[in-house]
Amino acid sequence: MVPSTPRASPSTPSGSRCFPPTARTSRPTSSSPPWPPGSRKATRRYVVPAVTFEQVAEHIRATVPVRVAELTPETTIRDLALDSMLLVEMVVDLQEEFDVMLSQAELSRINTLGELVEALRSQ
């Protein structure tokens, strides 16, 4: 036989409930944004400034010991003479500085600083 009233939550020997009653909250049923379409908030976009070679070169000079007198877009990553840890540190710093994420496949195709700048721009 099915009871006509719902069962109460279990209680302790002292008579208090084991589980406190939960507050029922309403959840939004639609996935629409909280602002109306066409409003200023809905149409505003964040534009990331273009990454320049000068910015990347300056960041590289400031973060890693560069042995090359002048950095150009044709300077190869190998010319920087960085060990593997410094190379990883340089890439991580650049990704954080310019708020991008380069995949391992993208990084393996980069040979020059110019290609690095293009990869950072394309993100």
PDB file of N, CA and C in Angstrom:
ATOM      1  N   MET A   1       0.836  -1.159   0.000  1.00  0.00           N
ATOM      2  CA  MET A   1       0.000   0.000   0.000  1.00  0.00           C
ATOM      3  C   MET A   1       0.894   1.239   0.000  1.00  0.00           C
ATOM      4  N   VAL A   2       0.511   2.277  -0.741  1.00  0.00           N
ATOM      5  CA  VAL A   2       1.269   3.509  -0.861  1.00  0.00           C
ATOM      6  C   VAL A   2       0.727   4.514   0.146  1.00  0.00           C
ATOM      7  N   PRO A   3       1.620   5.111   0.985  1.00  0.00           N
ATOM      8  CA  PRO A   3       1.124   6.092   1.949  1.00  0.00           C
ATOM      9  C   PRO A   3       0.602   7.335   1.231  1.00  0.00           C
ATOM     10  N   SER A   4      -0.412   7.951   1.820  1.00  0.00           N
ATOM     11  CA  SER A   4      -1.019   9.129   1.199  1.00  0.00           C
ATOM     12  C   SER A   4      -0.209  10.394   1.445  1.00  0.00           C
ATOM     13  N   THR A   5       0.659  10.390   2.422  1.00  0.00           N
ATOM     14  CA  THR A   5       1.496  11.556   2.691  1.00  0.00           C
ATOM     15  C   THR A   5       2.947  11.180   2.477  1.00  0.00           C
ATOM     16  N   PRO A   6       3.750  12.115   2.015  1.00  0.00           N
ATOM     17  CA  PRO A   6       5.170  11.802   1.825  1.00  0.00           C
ATOM     18  C   PRO A   6       5.848  11.526   3.156  1.00  0.00           C
ATOM     19  N   ARG A   7       6.843  10.654   3.086  1.00  0.00           N
ATOM     20  CA  ARG A   7       7.588  10.311   4.301  1.00  0.00           C
ATOM     21  C   ARG A   7       8.480  11.463   4.708  1.00  0.00           C
ATOM     22  N   ALA A   8       8.604  11.649   5.978  1.00  0.00           N
ATOM     23  CA  ALA A   8       9.499  12.676   6.506  1.00  0.00           C
ATOM     24  C   ALA A   8      10.922  12.161   6.427  1.00  0.00           C
ATOM     25  N   SER A   9      11.865  13.063   6.447  1.00  0.00           N
ATOM     26  CA  SER A   9      13.259  12.645   6.422  1.00  0.00           C
ATOM     27  C   SER A   9      13.587  11.955   7.735  1.00  0.00           C
ATOM     28  N   PRO A  10      14.581  11.074   7.733  1.00  0.00           N
ATOM     29  CA  PRO A  10      14.928  10.339   8.956  1.00  0.00           C
ATOM     30  C   PRO A  10      15.291  11.294  10.088  1.00  0.00           C
ATOM     31  N   SER A  11      15.089  10.835  11.289  1.00  0.00           N
ATOM     32  CA  SER A  11      15.421  11.676  12.439  1.00  0.00           C
ATOM     33  C   SER A  11      16.404  10.957  13.343  1.00  0.00           C
ATOM     34  N   THR A  12      17.091  11.713  14.167  1.00  0.00           N
ATOM     35  CA  THR A  12      18.061  11.180  15.119  1.00  0.00           C
ATOM     36  C   THR A  12      17.327  10.733  16.378  1.00  0.00           C
ATOM     37  N   PRO A  13      18.002  10.017  17.285  1.00  0.00           N
ATOM     38  CA  PRO A  13      17.338   9.603  18.524  1.00  0.00           C
ATOM     39  C   PRO A  13      16.778  10.775  19.317  1.00  0.00           C
ATOM     40  N   SER A  14      17.362  11.956  19.177  1.00  0.00           N
ATOM     41  CA  SER A  14      16.846  13.104  19.923  1.00  0.00           C
ATOM     42  C   SER A  14      15.620  13.717  19.255  1.00  0.00           C
ATOM     43  N   GLY A  15      15.294  13.248  18.060  1.00  0.00           N
ATOM     44  CA  GLY A  15      14.104  13.736  17.380  1.00  0.00           C
ATOM     45  C   GLY A  15      14.370  14.779  16.313  1.00  0.00           C
ATOM     46  N   SER A  16      15.610  15.271  16.193  1.00  0.00           N
ATOM     47  CA  SER A  16      15.886  16.266  15.151  1.00  0.00           C
ATOM     48  C   SER A  16      16.093  15.563  13.816  1.00  0.00           C
ATOM     49  N   ARG A  17      15.876  16.291  12.750  1.00  0.00           N
ATOM     50  CA  ARG A  17      16.013  15.698  11.421  1.00  0.00           C
ATOM     51  C   ARG A  17      17.490  15.513  11.060  1.00  0.00           C
ATOM     52  N   CYS A  18      17.765  14.420  10.374  1.00  0.00           N
ATOM     53  CA  CYS A  18      19.140  14.152   9.927  1.00  0.00           C
ATOM     54  C   CYS A  18      19.557  15.117   8.824  1.00  0.00           C
ATOM     55  N   PHE A  19      18.614  15.420   7.971  1.00  0.00           N
ATOM     56  CA  PHE A  19      18.923  16.286   6.842  1.00  0.00           C
ATOM     57  C   PHE A  19      18.080  17.538   6.954  1.00  0.00           C
ATOM     58  N   PRO A  20      18.700  18.708   6.948  1.00  0.00           N
ATOM     59  CA  PRO A  20      17.908  19.935   7.045  1.00  0.00           C
ATOM     60  C   PRO A  20      17.065  20.105   5.788  1.00  0.00           C
ATOM     61  N   PRO A  21      15.921  20.742   5.901  1.00  0.00           N
ATOM     62  CA  PRO A  21      15.104  20.962   4.708  1.00  0.00           C
ATOM     63  C   PRO A  21      15.858  21.845   3.726  1.00  0.00           C
ATOM     64  N   THR A  22      15.720  21.534   2.468  1.00  0.00           N
ATOM     65  CA  THR A  22      16.420  22.313   1.441  1.00  0.00           C
ATOM     66  C   THR A  22      15.487  23.359   0.882  1.00  0.00           C
ATOM     67  N   ALA A  23      16.058  24.482   0.568  1.00  0.00           N
ATOM     68  CA  ALA A  23      15.275  25.551  -0.045  1.00  0.00           C
ATOM     69  C   ALA A  23      15.185  25.277  -1.531  1.00  0.00           C
ATOM     70  N   ARG A  24      14.007  25.377  -2.057  1.00  0.00           N
ATOM     71  CA  ARG A  24      13.837  25.170  -3.494  1.00  0.00           C
ATOM     72  C   ARG A  24      14.091  26.496  -4.196  1.00  0.00           C
ATOM     73  N   THR A  25      14.967  26.435  -5.145  1.00  0.00           N
ATOM     74  CA  THR A  25      15.272  27.650  -5.899  1.00  0.00           C
ATOM     75  C   THR A  25      14.823  27.451  -7.328  1.00  0.00           C
ATOM     76  N   SER A  26      14.383  28.492  -7.927  1.00  0.00           N
ATOM     77  CA  SER A  26      13.984  28.387  -9.328  1.00  0.00           C
ATOM     78  C   SER A  26      15.228  28.560 -10.187  1.00  0.00           C
ATOM     79  N   ARG A  27      15.294  27.790 -11.222  1.00  0.00           N
ATOM     80  CA  ARG A  27      16.415  27.872 -12.155  1.00  0.00           C
ATOM     81  C   ARG A  27      15.915  28.465 -13.457  1.00  0.00           C
ATOM     82  N   PRO A  28      16.741  29.256 -14.101  1.00  0.00           N
ATOM     83  CA  PRO A  28      16.293  29.808 -15.379  1.00  0.00           C
ATOM     84  C   PRO A  28      16.076  28.683 -16.380  1.00  0.00           C
ATOM     85  N   THR A  29      15.015  28.783 -17.131  1.00  0.00           N
ATOM     86  CA  THR A  29      14.694  27.726 -18.077  1.00  0.00           C
ATOM     87  C   THR A  29      15.213  28.019 -19.469  1.00  0.00           C
ATOM     88  N   SER A  30      15.481  29.251 -19.792  1.00  0.00           N
ATOM     89  CA  SER A  30      15.967  29.564 -21.128  1.00  0.00           C
ATOM     90  C   SER A  30      17.465  29.826 -21.085  1.00  0.00           C
ATOM     91  N   SER A  31      18.081  29.679 -22.234  1.00  0.00           N
ATOM     92  CA  SER A  31      19.520  29.928 -22.314  1.00  0.00           C
ATOM     93  C   SER A  31      19.806  31.313 -22.882  1.00  0.00           C
ATOM     94  N   SER A  32      18.804  32.175 -22.893  1.00  0.00           N
ATOM     95  CA  SER A  32      19.007  33.513 -23.434  1.00  0.00           C
ATOM     96  C   SER A  32      19.829  34.354 -22.461  1.00  0.00           C
ATOM     97  N   PRO A  33      20.577  35.335 -22.969  1.00  0.00           N
ATOM     98  CA  PRO A  33      21.384  36.177 -22.085  1.00  0.00           C
ATOM     99  C   PRO A  33      20.487  37.046 -21.212  1.00  0.00           C
ATOM    100  N   PRO A  34      21.005  37.543 -20.098  1.00  0.00           N
ATOM    101  CA  PRO A  34      20.200  38.339 -19.178  1.00  0.00           C
ATOM    102  C   PRO A  34      19.909  39.746 -19.677  1.00  0.00           C
ATOM    103  N   TRP A  35      20.389  40.126 -20.848  1.00  0.00           N
ATOM    104  CA  TRP A  35      20.113  41.447 -21.386  1.00  0.00           C
ATOM    105  C   TRP A  35      19.373  41.280 -22.712  1.00  0.00           C
ATOM    106  N   PRO A  36      18.573  42.251 -23.093  1.00  0.00           N
ATOM    107  CA  PRO A  36      17.790  42.128 -24.322  1.00  0.00           C
ATOM    108  C   PRO A  36      18.672  42.208 -25.559  1.00  0.00           C
ATOM    109  N   PRO A  37      18.303  41.476 -26.615  1.00  0.00           N
ATOM    110  CA  PRO A  37      19.076  41.551 -27.859  1.00  0.00           C
ATOM    111  C   PRO A  37      19.077  42.974 -28.397  1.00  0.00           C
ATOM    112  N   GLY A  38      20.183  43.377 -28.969  1.00  0.00           N
ATOM    113  CA  GLY A  38      20.300  44.716 -29.527  1.00  0.00           C
ATOM    114  C   GLY A  38      20.720  45.768 -28.523  1.00  0.00           C
ATOM    115  N   SER A  39      20.780  45.399 -27.249  1.00  0.00           N
ATOM    116  CA  SER A  39      21.208  46.376 -26.256  1.00  0.00           C
ATOM    117  C   SER A  39      22.704  46.601 -26.384  1.00  0.00           C
ATOM    118  N   ARG A  40      23.209  47.626 -25.742  1.00  0.00           N
ATOM    119  CA  ARG A  40      24.631  47.974 -25.830  1.00  0.00           C
ATOM    120  C   ARG A  40      25.505  46.826 -25.351  1.00  0.00           C
ATOM    121  N   LYS A  41      25.114  46.156 -24.261  1.00  0.00           N
ATOM    122  CA  LYS A  41      25.925  45.076 -23.723  1.00  0.00           C
ATOM    123  C   LYS A  41      25.994  43.906 -24.703  1.00  0.00           C
ATOM    124  N   ALA A  42      24.913  43.651 -25.405  1.00  0.00           N
ATOM    125  CA  ALA A  42      24.881  42.521 -26.327  1.00  0.00           C
ATOM    126  C   ALA A  42      25.729  42.767 -27.563  1.00  0.00           C
ATOM    127  N   THR A  43      25.958  44.016 -27.935  1.00  0.00           N
ATOM    128  CA  THR A  43      26.687  44.297 -29.166  1.00  0.00           C
ATOM    129  C   THR A  43      28.131  44.711 -28.941  1.00  0.00           C
ATOM    130  N   ARG A  44      28.552  44.930 -27.703  1.00  0.00           N
ATOM    131  CA  ARG A  44      29.921  45.360 -27.431  1.00  0.00           C
ATOM    132  C   ARG A  44      30.875  44.187 -27.626  1.00  0.00           C
ATOM    133  N   ARG A  45      31.988  44.439 -28.266  1.00  0.00           N
ATOM    134  CA  ARG A  45      32.996  43.401 -28.478  1.00  0.00           C
ATOM    135  C   ARG A  45      34.332  43.885 -27.951  1.00  0.00           C
ATOM    136  N   TYR A  46      35.126  42.932 -27.480  1.00  0.00           N
ATOM    137  CA  TYR A  46      36.475  43.241 -27.040  1.00  0.00           C
ATOM    138  C   TYR A  46      37.398  43.013 -28.219  1.00  0.00           C
ATOM    139  N   VAL A  47      38.152  44.013 -28.589  1.00  0.00           N
ATOM    140  CA  VAL A  47      39.073  43.908 -29.710  1.00  0.00           C
ATOM    141  C   VAL A  47      40.484  43.822 -29.161  1.00  0.00           C
ATOM    142  N   VAL A  48      41.163  42.735 -29.501  1.00  0.00           N
ATOM    143  CA  VAL A  48      42.534  42.536 -29.056  1.00  0.00           C
ATOM    144  C   VAL A  48      43.452  43.305 -29.995  1.00  0.00           C
ATOM    145  N   PRO A  49      44.337  44.133 -29.456  1.00  0.00           N
ATOM    146  CA  PRO A  49      45.256  44.859 -30.329  1.00  0.00           C
ATOM    147  C   PRO A  49      46.182  43.891 -31.058  1.00  0.00           C
ATOM    148  N   ALA A  50      46.567  44.259 -32.269  1.00  0.00           N
ATOM    149  CA  ALA A  50      47.434  43.407 -33.072  1.00  0.00           C
ATOM    150  C   ALA A  50      48.804  43.265 -32.418  1.00  0.00           C
ATOM    151  N   VAL A  51      49.330  42.063 -32.496  1.00  0.00           N
ATOM    152  CA  VAL A  51      50.655  41.784 -31.951  1.00  0.00           C
ATOM    153  C   VAL A  51      51.685  42.245 -32.977  1.00  0.00           C
ATOM    154  N   THR A  52      52.657  43.034 -32.539  1.00  0.00           N
ATOM    155  CA  THR A  52      53.698  43.501 -33.453  1.00  0.00           C
ATOM    156  C   THR A  52      55.006  42.767 -33.169  1.00  0.00           C
ATOM    157  N   PHE A  53      55.870  42.753 -34.168  1.00  0.00           N
ATOM    158  CA  PHE A  53      57.170  42.117 -33.989  1.00  0.00           C
ATOM    159  C   PHE A  53      57.962  42.824 -32.900  1.00  0.00           C
ATOM    160  N   GLU A  54      57.859  44.143 -32.843  1.00  0.00           N
ATOM    161  CA  GLU A  54      58.614  44.908 -31.842  1.00  0.00           C
ATOM    162  C   GLU A  54      58.196  44.515 -30.425  1.00  0.00           C
ATOM    163  N   GLN A  55      56.893  44.308 -30.218  1.00  0.00           N
ATOM    164  CA  GLN A  55      56.415  43.888 -28.894  1.00  0.00           C
ATOM    165  C   GLN A  55      56.989  42.528 -28.516  1.00  0.00           C
ATOM    166  N   VAL A  56      56.960  41.597 -29.459  1.00  0.00           N
ATOM    167  CA  VAL A  56      57.461  40.248 -29.190  1.00  0.00           C
ATOM    168  C   VAL A  56      58.961  40.285 -28.942  1.00  0.00           C
ATOM    169  N   ALA A  57      59.712  41.014 -29.769  1.00  0.00           N
ATOM    170  CA  ALA A  57      61.167  41.098 -29.602  1.00  0.00           C
ATOM    171  C   ALA A  57      61.523  41.720 -28.260  1.00  0.00           C
ATOM    172  N   GLU A  58      60.824  42.783 -27.883  1.00  0.00           N
ATOM    173  CA  GLU A  58      61.086  43.431 -26.593  1.00  0.00           C
ATOM    174  C   GLU A  58      60.789  42.479 -25.437  1.00  0.00           C
ATOM    175  N   HIS A  59      59.709  41.732 -25.560  1.00  0.00           N
ATOM    176  CA  HIS A  59      59.361  40.780 -24.501  1.00  0.00           C
ATOM    177  C   HIS A  59      60.415  39.669 -24.406  1.00  0.00           C
ATOM    178  N   ILE A  60      60.908  39.205 -25.546  1.00  0.00           N
ATOM    179  CA  ILE A  60      61.945  38.163 -25.540  1.00  0.00           C
ATOM    180  C   ILE A  60      63.213  38.699 -24.890  1.00  0.00           C
ATOM    181  N   ARG A  61      63.630  39.905 -25.257  1.00  0.00           N
ATOM    182  CA  ARG A  61      64.841  40.491 -24.657  1.00  0.00           C
ATOM    183  C   ARG A  61      64.700  40.654 -23.146  1.00  0.00           C
ATOM    184  N   ALA A  62      63.497  40.977 -22.682  1.00  0.00           N
ATOM    185  CA  ALA A  62      63.277  41.220 -21.253  1.00  0.00           C
ATOM    186  C   ALA A  62      63.182  39.936 -20.437  1.00  0.00           C
ATOM    187  N   THR A  63      62.825  38.825 -21.064  1.00  0.00           N
ATOM    188  CA  THR A  63      62.586  37.607 -20.280  1.00  0.00           C
ATOM    189  C   THR A  63      63.677  36.556 -20.389  1.00  0.00           C
ATOM    190  N   VAL A  64      64.375  36.510 -21.502  1.00  0.00           N
ATOM    191  CA  VAL A  64      65.416  35.478 -21.653  1.00  0.00           C
ATOM    192  C   VAL A  64      66.727  36.129 -22.081  1.00  0.00           C
ATOM    193  N   PRO A  65      67.853  35.516 -21.709  1.00  0.00           N
ATOM    194  CA  PRO A  65      69.155  36.062 -22.121  1.00  0.00           C
ATOM    195  C   PRO A  65      69.410  35.776 -23.603  1.00  0.00           C
ATOM    196  N   VAL A  66      69.265  36.793 -24.424  1.00  0.00           N
ATOM    197  CA  VAL A  66      69.422  36.629 -25.867  1.00  0.00           C
ATOM    198  C   VAL A  66      70.865  36.910 -26.243  1.00  0.00           C
ATOM    199  N   ARG A  67      71.447  36.020 -27.029  1.00  0.00           N
ATOM    200  CA  ARG A  67      72.847  36.180 -27.442  1.00  0.00           C
ATOM    201  C   ARG A  67      72.968  36.778 -28.842  1.00  0.00           C
ATOM    202  N   VAL A  68      71.845  37.045 -29.463  1.00  0.00           N
ATOM    203  CA  VAL A  68      71.847  37.620 -30.804  1.00  0.00           C
ATOM    204  C   VAL A  68      71.816  39.140 -30.666  1.00  0.00           C
ATOM    205  N   ALA A  69      72.701  39.821 -31.409  1.00  0.00           N
ATOM    206  CA  ALA A  69      72.800  41.279 -31.286  1.00  0.00           C
ATOM    207  C   ALA A  69      71.508  41.969 -31.717  1.00  0.00           C
ATOM    208  N   GLU A  70      70.946  41.545 -32.822  1.00  0.00           N
ATOM    209  CA  GLU A  70      69.735  42.186 -33.318  1.00  0.00           C
ATOM    210  C   GLU A  70      68.706  41.120 -33.664  1.00  0.00           C
ATOM    211  N   LEU A  71      67.505  41.298 -33.150  1.00  0.00           N
ATOM    212  CA  LEU A  71      66.426  40.365 -33.462  1.00  0.00           C
ATOM    213  C   LEU A  71      65.665  40.881 -34.677  1.00  0.00           C
ATOM    214  N   THR A  72      65.490  40.011 -35.656  1.00  0.00           N
ATOM    215  CA  THR A  72      64.722  40.351 -36.854  1.00  0.00           C
ATOM    216  C   THR A  72      63.677  39.262 -37.062  1.00  0.00           C
ATOM    217  N   PRO A  73      62.700  39.505 -37.931  1.00  0.00           N
ATOM    218  CA  PRO A  73      61.725  38.451 -38.215  1.00  0.00           C
ATOM    219  C   PRO A  73      62.363  37.193 -38.811  1.00  0.00           C
ATOM    220  N   GLU A  74      63.539  37.337 -39.418  1.00  0.00           N
ATOM    221  CA  GLU A  74      64.224  36.183 -40.007  1.00  0.00           C
ATOM    222  C   GLU A  74      65.093  35.435 -38.998  1.00  0.00           C
ATOM    223  N   THR A  75      65.265  35.974 -37.797  1.00  0.00           N
ATOM    224  CA  THR A  75      66.052  35.294 -36.764  1.00  0.00           C
ATOM    225  C   THR A  75      65.370  33.974 -36.433  1.00  0.00           C
ATOM    226  N   THR A  76      66.145  32.896 -36.487  1.00  0.00           N
ATOM    227  CA  THR A  76      65.548  31.594 -36.181  1.00  0.00           C
ATOM    228  C   THR A  76      65.543  31.362 -34.677  1.00  0.00           C
ATOM    229  N   ILE A  77      64.660  30.493 -34.264  1.00  0.00           N
ATOM    230  CA  ILE A  77      64.582  30.130 -32.849  1.00  0.00           C
ATOM    231  C   ILE A  77      65.908  29.502 -32.420  1.00  0.00           C
ATOM    232  N   ARG A  78      66.520  28.761 -33.336  1.00  0.00           N
ATOM    233  CA  ARG A  78      67.812  28.135 -33.054  1.00  0.00           C
ATOM    234  C   ARG A  78      68.909  29.172 -32.817  1.00  0.00           C
ATOM    235  N   ASP A  79      68.825  30.305 -33.529  1.00  0.00           N
ATOM    236  CA  ASP A  79      69.814  31.376 -33.364  1.00  0.00           C
ATOM    237  C   ASP A  79      69.800  31.964 -31.956  1.00  0.00           C
ATOM    238  N   LEU A  80      68.672  31.847 -31.263  1.00  0.00           N
ATOM    239  CA  LEU A  80      68.585  32.381 -29.901  1.00  0.00           C
ATOM    240  C   LEU A  80      69.429  31.575 -28.923  1.00  0.00           C
ATOM    241  N   ALA A  81      69.804  30.356 -29.296  1.00  0.00           N
ATOM    242  CA  ALA A  81      70.660  29.479 -28.485  1.00  0.00           C
ATOM    243  C   ALA A  81      70.101  29.281 -27.078  1.00  0.00           C
ATOM    244  N   LEU A  82      68.810  28.986 -26.994  1.00  0.00           N
ATOM    245  CA  LEU A  82      68.172  28.750 -25.701  1.00  0.00           C
ATOM    246  C   LEU A  82      68.128  27.259 -25.418  1.00  0.00           C
ATOM    247  N   ASP A  83      68.334  26.895 -24.152  1.00  0.00           N
ATOM    248  CA  ASP A  83      68.132  25.491 -23.810  1.00  0.00           C
ATOM    249  C   ASP A  83      66.622  25.236 -23.751  1.00  0.00           C
ATOM    250  N   SER A  84      66.237  23.983 -23.606  1.00  0.00           N
ATOM    251  CA  SER A  84      64.821  23.631 -23.691  1.00  0.00           C
ATOM    252  C   SER A  84      63.976  24.309 -22.617  1.00  0.00           C
ATOM    253  N   MET A  85      64.508  24.461 -21.411  1.00  0.00           N
ATOM    254  CA  MET A  85      63.740  25.090 -20.332  1.00  0.00           C
ATOM    255  C   MET A  85      63.515  26.580 -20.609  1.00  0.00           C
ATOM    256  N   LEU A  86      64.539  27.271 -21.097  1.00  0.00           N
ATOM    257  CA  LEU A  86      64.368  28.692 -21.424  1.00  0.00           C
ATOM    258  C   LEU A  86      63.413  28.882 -22.603  1.00  0.00           C
ATOM    259  N   LEU A  87      63.450  27.953 -23.550  1.00  0.00           N
ATOM    260  CA  LEU A  87      62.539  28.035 -24.687  1.00  0.00           C
ATOM    261  C   LEU A  87      61.090  27.879 -24.225  1.00  0.00           C
ATOM    262  N   VAL A  88      60.842  26.911 -23.349  1.00  0.00           N
ATOM    263  CA  VAL A  88      59.493  26.715 -22.802  1.00  0.00           C
ATOM    264  C   VAL A  88      59.071  27.944 -22.008  1.00  0.00           C
ATOM    265  N   GLU A  89      59.984  28.478 -21.197  1.00  0.00           N
ATOM    266  CA  GLU A  89      59.677  29.674 -20.406  1.00  0.00           C
ATOM    267  C   GLU A  89      59.328  30.855 -21.312  1.00  0.00           C
ATOM    268  N   MET A  90      60.074  31.017 -22.398  1.00  0.00           N
ATOM    269  CA  MET A  90      59.812  32.104 -23.332  1.00  0.00           C
ATOM    270  C   MET A  90      58.426  31.957 -23.965  1.00  0.00           C
ATOM    271  N   VAL A  91      58.092  30.749 -24.406  1.00  0.00           N
ATOM    272  CA  VAL A  91      56.797  30.513 -25.051  1.00  0.00           C
ATOM    273  C   VAL A  91      55.650  30.734 -24.071  1.00  0.00           C
ATOM    274  N   VAL A  92      55.787  30.221 -22.855  1.00  0.00           N
ATOM    275  CA  VAL A  92      54.737  30.401 -21.844  1.00  0.00           C
ATOM    276  C   VAL A  92      54.560  31.880 -21.524  1.00  0.00           C
ATOM    277  N   ASP A  93      55.665  32.602 -21.367  1.00  0.00           N
ATOM    278  CA  ASP A  93      55.583  34.041 -21.087  1.00  0.00           C
ATOM    279  C   ASP A  93      54.889  34.796 -22.221  1.00  0.00           C
ATOM    280  N   LEU A  94      55.215  34.447 -23.466  1.00  0.00           N
ATOM    281  CA  LEU A  94      54.578  35.111 -24.604  1.00  0.00           C
ATOM    282  C   LEU A  94      53.083  34.799 -24.659  1.00  0.00           C
ATOM    283  N   GLN A  95      52.728  33.549 -24.390  1.00  0.00           N
ATOM    284  CA  GLN A  95      51.307  33.174 -24.395  1.00  0.00           C
ATOM    285  C   GLN A  95      50.540  33.930 -23.317  1.00  0.00           C
ATOM    286  N   GLU A  96      51.148  34.084 -22.142  1.00  0.00           N
ATOM    287  CA  GLU A  96      50.489  34.825 -21.066  1.00  0.00           C
ATOM    288  C   GLU A  96      50.425  36.318 -21.382  1.00  0.00           C
ATOM    289  N   GLU A  97      51.497  36.860 -21.919  1.00  0.00           N
ATOM    290  CA  GLU A  97      51.550  38.289 -22.228  1.00  0.00           C
ATOM    291  C   GLU A  97      50.494  38.682 -23.261  1.00  0.00           C
ATOM    292  N   PHE A  98      50.335  37.857 -24.295  1.00  0.00           N
ATOM    293  CA  PHE A  98      49.419  38.195 -25.383  1.00  0.00           C
ATOM    294  C   PHE A  98      48.101  37.435 -25.299  1.00  0.00           C
ATOM    295  N   ASP A  99      47.890  36.715 -24.218  1.00  0.00           N
ATOM    296  CA  ASP A  99      46.636  36.012 -23.939  1.00  0.00           C
ATOM    297  C   ASP A  99      46.218  35.100 -25.089  1.00  0.00           C
ATOM    298  N   VAL A 100      47.148  34.236 -25.498  1.00  0.00           N
ATOM    299  CA  VAL A 100      46.874  33.257 -26.548  1.00  0.00           C
ATOM    300  C   VAL A 100      47.348  31.891 -26.079  1.00  0.00           C
ATOM    301  N   MET A 101      46.902  30.859 -26.780  1.00  0.00           N
ATOM    302  CA  MET A 101      47.341  29.507 -26.475  1.00  0.00           C
ATOM    303  C   MET A 101      47.743  28.845 -27.785  1.00  0.00           C
ATOM    304  N   LEU A 102      49.001  28.487 -27.902  1.00  0.00           N
ATOM    305  CA  LEU A 102      49.506  27.828 -29.101  1.00  0.00           C
ATOM    306  C   LEU A 102      49.595  26.335 -28.838  1.00  0.00           C
ATOM    307  N   SER A 103      49.114  25.549 -29.785  1.00  0.00           N
ATOM    308  CA  SER A 103      49.164  24.095 -29.625  1.00  0.00           C
ATOM    309  C   SER A 103      50.577  23.586 -29.899  1.00  0.00           C
ATOM    310  N   GLN A 104      50.816  22.358 -29.501  1.00  0.00           N
ATOM    311  CA  GLN A 104      52.125  21.742 -29.744  1.00  0.00           C
ATOM    312  C   GLN A 104      52.389  21.642 -31.242  1.00  0.00           C
ATOM    313  N   ALA A 105      51.353  21.348 -32.013  1.00  0.00           N
ATOM    314  CA  ALA A 105      51.512  21.254 -33.468  1.00  0.00           C
ATOM    315  C   ALA A 105      51.905  22.604 -34.066  1.00  0.00           C
ATOM    316  N   GLU A 106      51.276  23.682 -33.599  1.00  0.00           N
ATOM    317  CA  GLU A 106      51.622  25.017 -34.089  1.00  0.00           C
ATOM    318  C   GLU A 106      53.054  25.371 -33.719  1.00  0.00           C
ATOM    319  N   LEU A 107      53.438  25.075 -32.490  1.00  0.00           N
ATOM    320  CA  LEU A 107      54.795  25.397 -32.039  1.00  0.00           C
ATOM    321  C   LEU A 107      55.846  24.632 -32.831  1.00  0.00           C
ATOM    322  N   SER A 108      55.546  23.400 -33.209  1.00  0.00           N
ATOM    323  CA  SER A 108      56.538  22.601 -33.937  1.00  0.00           C
ATOM    324  C   SER A 108      56.769  23.127 -35.353  1.00  0.00           C
ATOM    325  N   ARG A 109      55.816  23.902 -35.901  1.00  0.00           N
ATOM    326  CA  ARG A 109      55.973  24.457 -37.254  1.00  0.00           C
ATOM    327  C   ARG A 109      56.687  25.807 -37.263  1.00  0.00           C
ATOM    328  N   ILE A 110      56.931  26.388 -36.104  1.00  0.00           N
ATOM    329  CA  ILE A 110      57.544  27.719 -36.026  1.00  0.00           C
ATOM    330  C   ILE A 110      59.065  27.591 -36.053  1.00  0.00           C
ATOM    331  N   ASN A 111      59.694  28.262 -37.025  1.00  0.00           N
ATOM    332  CA  ASN A 111      61.152  28.235 -37.135  1.00  0.00           C
ATOM    333  C   ASN A 111      61.789  29.601 -36.895  1.00  0.00           C
ATOM    334  N   THR A 112      61.080  30.673 -37.250  1.00  0.00           N
ATOM    335  CA  THR A 112      61.645  32.020 -37.118  1.00  0.00           C
ATOM    336  C   THR A 112      60.781  32.866 -36.184  1.00  0.00           C
ATOM    337  N   LEU A 113      61.328  33.997 -35.764  1.00  0.00           N
ATOM    338  CA  LEU A 113      60.567  34.909 -34.911  1.00  0.00           C
ATOM    339  C   LEU A 113      59.390  35.515 -35.671  1.00  0.00           C
ATOM    340  N   GLY A 114      59.547  35.718 -36.967  1.00  0.00           N
ATOM    341  CA  GLY A 114      58.440  36.214 -37.781  1.00  0.00           C
ATOM    342  C   GLY A 114      57.272  35.234 -37.792  1.00  0.00           C
ATOM    343  N   GLU A 115      57.583  33.943 -37.902  1.00  0.00           N
ATOM    344  CA  GLU A 115      56.533  32.918 -37.855  1.00  0.00           C
ATOM    345  C   GLU A 115      55.887  32.868 -36.474  1.00  0.00           C
ATOM    346  N   LEU A 116      56.675  33.107 -35.433  1.00  0.00           N
ATOM    347  CA  LEU A 116      56.135  33.146 -34.073  1.00  0.00           C
ATOM    348  C   LEU A 116      55.145  34.299 -33.926  1.00  0.00           C
ATOM    349  N   VAL A 117      55.503  35.465 -34.455  1.00  0.00           N
ATOM    350  CA  VAL A 117      54.609  36.626 -34.390  1.00  0.00           C
ATOM    351  C   VAL A 117      53.313  36.331 -35.150  1.00  0.00           C
ATOM    352  N   GLU A 118      53.421  35.727 -36.327  1.00  0.00           N
ATOM    353  CA  GLU A 118      52.219  35.391 -37.107  1.00  0.00           C
ATOM    354  C   GLU A 118      51.332  34.402 -36.356  1.00  0.00           C
ATOM    355  N   ALA A 119      51.942  33.439 -35.681  1.00  0.00           N
ATOM    356  CA  ALA A 119      51.159  32.472 -34.898  1.00  0.00           C
ATOM    357  C   ALA A 119      50.447  33.168 -33.743  1.00  0.00           C
ATOM    358  N   LEU A 120      51.118  34.112 -33.097  1.00  0.00           N
ATOM    359  CA  LEU A 120      50.491  34.859 -32.004  1.00  0.00           C
ATOM    360  C   LEU A 120      49.358  35.745 -32.523  1.00  0.00           C
ATOM    361  N   ARG A 121      49.534  36.319 -33.708  1.00  0.00           N
ATOM    362  CA  ARG A 121      48.490  37.170 -34.299  1.00  0.00           C
ATOM    363  C   ARG A 121      47.256  36.368 -34.686  1.00  0.00           C
ATOM    364  N   SER A 122      47.469  35.150 -35.156  1.00  0.00           N
ATOM    365  CA  SER A 122      46.352  34.359 -35.678  1.00  0.00           C
ATOM    366  C   SER A 122      45.441  33.816 -34.590  1.00  0.00           C
ATOM    367  N   GLN A 123      45.845  33.942 -33.354  1.00  0.00           N
ATOM    368  CA  GLN A 123      45.015  33.401 -32.264  1.00  0.00           C
ATOM    369  C   GLN A 123      43.922  34.323 -31.865  1.00  0.00           C
TER     370      GLN A 123
END
